[in-house]
Amino acid sequence: SKKVNESFEEIILLAKTNSPEFFTRFKEIYPEFIAKLLVIDPKFRVSELTLCAYVFLGFSTKDIAQFTFKSTNTVHSRKYNVRKKLNISSEESMEIWLKNLV
């Protein structure tokens, strides 16, 4: 349990600092999450998978924009495109949908 908490805190810190290690570390901690997304669409780009990881961790559009140095509009439109790929309706929470994947 302590190890899981440390790993979670570590990926949160990597996310907040926009570390290049974030996605690699996220994949190590949640391998089944990325695998299931790739089953749905094998052509997912790393940037799209990284965005899904941010959403999965509970970050808001504004937070993701701040951490990744992008505009909120850019993050919003990328989330929209990922929603379309995953067939997530606009009424459904993307975060909850992604958490239910695992």
Protein backbone atom coordinates (compact mmCIF):
# COMPACT_ATOMS: atom_id res chain seq x y z
CA SER A 1 0.00 0.00 0.00
CA LYS A 2 2.81 2.40 0.91
CA LYS A 3 4.61 1.53 -2.33
CA VAL A 4 1.43 2.22 -4.34
CA ASN A 5 1.03 5.62 -2.65
CA GLU A 6 4.67 6.49 -3.37
CA SER A 7 4.28 5.46 -7.02
CA PHE A 8 1.07 7.49 -7.33
CA GLU A 9 2.70 10.56 -5.77
CA GLU A 10 5.70 10.10 -8.06
CA ILE A 11 3.60 10.08 -11.25
CA ILE A 12 1.57 13.06 -10.01
CA LEU A 13 4.83 14.98 -9.51
CA LEU A 14 6.11 13.90 -12.95
CA ALA A 15 2.80 15.03 -14.47
CA LYS A 16 2.85 18.40 -12.74
CA THR A 17 6.41 19.07 -13.92
CA ASN A 18 5.69 17.90 -17.49
CA SER A 19 8.54 15.41 -17.14
CA PRO A 20 9.44 13.36 -20.22
CA GLU A 21 9.48 10.35 -17.86
CA PHE A 22 5.79 10.79 -16.97
CA PHE A 23 4.28 8.55 -19.65
CA THR A 24 6.92 5.81 -19.28
CA ARG A 25 6.40 5.69 -15.51
CA PHE A 26 2.60 5.79 -15.91
CA LYS A 27 2.80 2.76 -18.26
CA GLU A 28 4.85 0.86 -15.66
CA ILE A 29 2.30 1.54 -12.92
CA TYR A 30 -0.87 1.09 -15.04
CA PRO A 31 0.15 -1.28 -17.88
CA GLU A 32 -3.37 -2.70 -18.31
CA PHE A 33 -4.83 0.80 -18.83
CA ILE A 34 -2.65 1.60 -21.84
CA ALA A 35 -3.06 -1.94 -23.22
CA LYS A 36 -6.87 -1.65 -23.13
CA LEU A 37 -6.80 1.71 -24.89
CA LEU A 38 -4.59 0.24 -27.61
CA VAL A 39 -7.05 -2.65 -28.07
CA ILE A 40 -9.80 -0.09 -28.74
CA ASP A 41 -7.62 1.84 -31.20
CA PRO A 42 -4.12 0.53 -32.01
CA LYS A 43 -3.32 3.80 -33.82
CA PHE A 44 -3.48 5.92 -30.66
CA ARG A 45 -0.60 8.39 -30.61
CA VAL A 46 1.61 8.72 -27.53
CA SER A 47 0.33 12.28 -27.07
CA GLU A 48 -3.26 10.97 -26.98
CA LEU A 49 -2.36 8.21 -24.53
CA THR A 50 -0.56 10.75 -22.37
CA LEU A 51 -3.67 12.95 -22.37
CA CYS A 52 -5.74 9.93 -21.31
CA ALA A 53 -3.26 9.33 -18.49
CA TYR A 54 -3.69 12.91 -17.26
CA VAL A 55 -7.48 12.59 -17.36
CA PHE A 56 -7.31 9.17 -15.66
CA LEU A 57 -5.33 10.76 -12.81
CA GLY A 58 -8.12 13.30 -12.34
CA PHE A 59 -6.52 16.44 -13.73
CA SER A 60 -8.84 19.11 -15.13
CA THR A 61 -8.48 20.59 -18.61
CA LYS A 62 -7.06 23.74 -17.01
CA ASP A 63 -4.49 21.73 -15.00
CA ILE A 64 -3.42 19.72 -18.06
CA ALA A 65 -3.02 22.93 -20.07
CA GLN A 66 -0.92 24.46 -17.31
CA PHE A 67 1.33 21.39 -16.86
CA THR A 68 1.87 20.81 -20.60
CA PHE A 69 2.23 24.49 -21.57
CA LYS A 70 -0.71 24.35 -23.98
CA SER A 71 -3.81 26.52 -24.17
CA THR A 72 -7.01 25.27 -22.52
CA ASN A 73 -8.64 25.34 -25.99
CA THR A 74 -5.94 23.01 -27.35
CA VAL A 75 -6.41 20.55 -24.48
CA HIS A 76 -10.19 20.79 -24.84
CA SER A 77 -10.09 20.00 -28.56
CA ARG A 78 -7.64 17.12 -28.02
CA LYS A 79 -9.95 15.69 -25.34
CA TYR A 80 -12.84 16.04 -27.80
CA ASN A 81 -10.89 14.10 -30.46
CA VAL A 82 -10.00 11.33 -27.99
CA ARG A 83 -13.64 11.14 -26.87
CA LYS A 84 -14.64 10.58 -30.50
CA LYS A 85 -12.05 7.81 -30.91
CA LEU A 86 -13.31 6.10 -27.77
CA ASN A 87 -17.01 6.76 -28.49
CA ILE A 88 -17.54 8.53 -25.15
CA SER A 89 -20.73 10.61 -25.24
CA SER A 90 -20.58 14.27 -24.22
CA GLU A 91 -22.90 13.52 -21.27
CA GLU A 92 -20.46 10.96 -19.88
CA SER A 93 -17.47 11.84 -17.69
CA MET A 94 -14.27 10.98 -19.55
CA GLU A 95 -12.45 10.46 -16.25
CA ILE A 96 -15.01 7.95 -14.98
CA TRP A 97 -15.12 6.19 -18.35
CA LEU A 98 -11.33 5.80 -18.34
CA LYS A 99 -11.27 4.61 -14.72
CA ASN A 100 -13.92 1.98 -15.54
CA LEU A 101 -11.63 0.68 -18.28
CA VAL A 102 -9.30 -0.70 -15.62
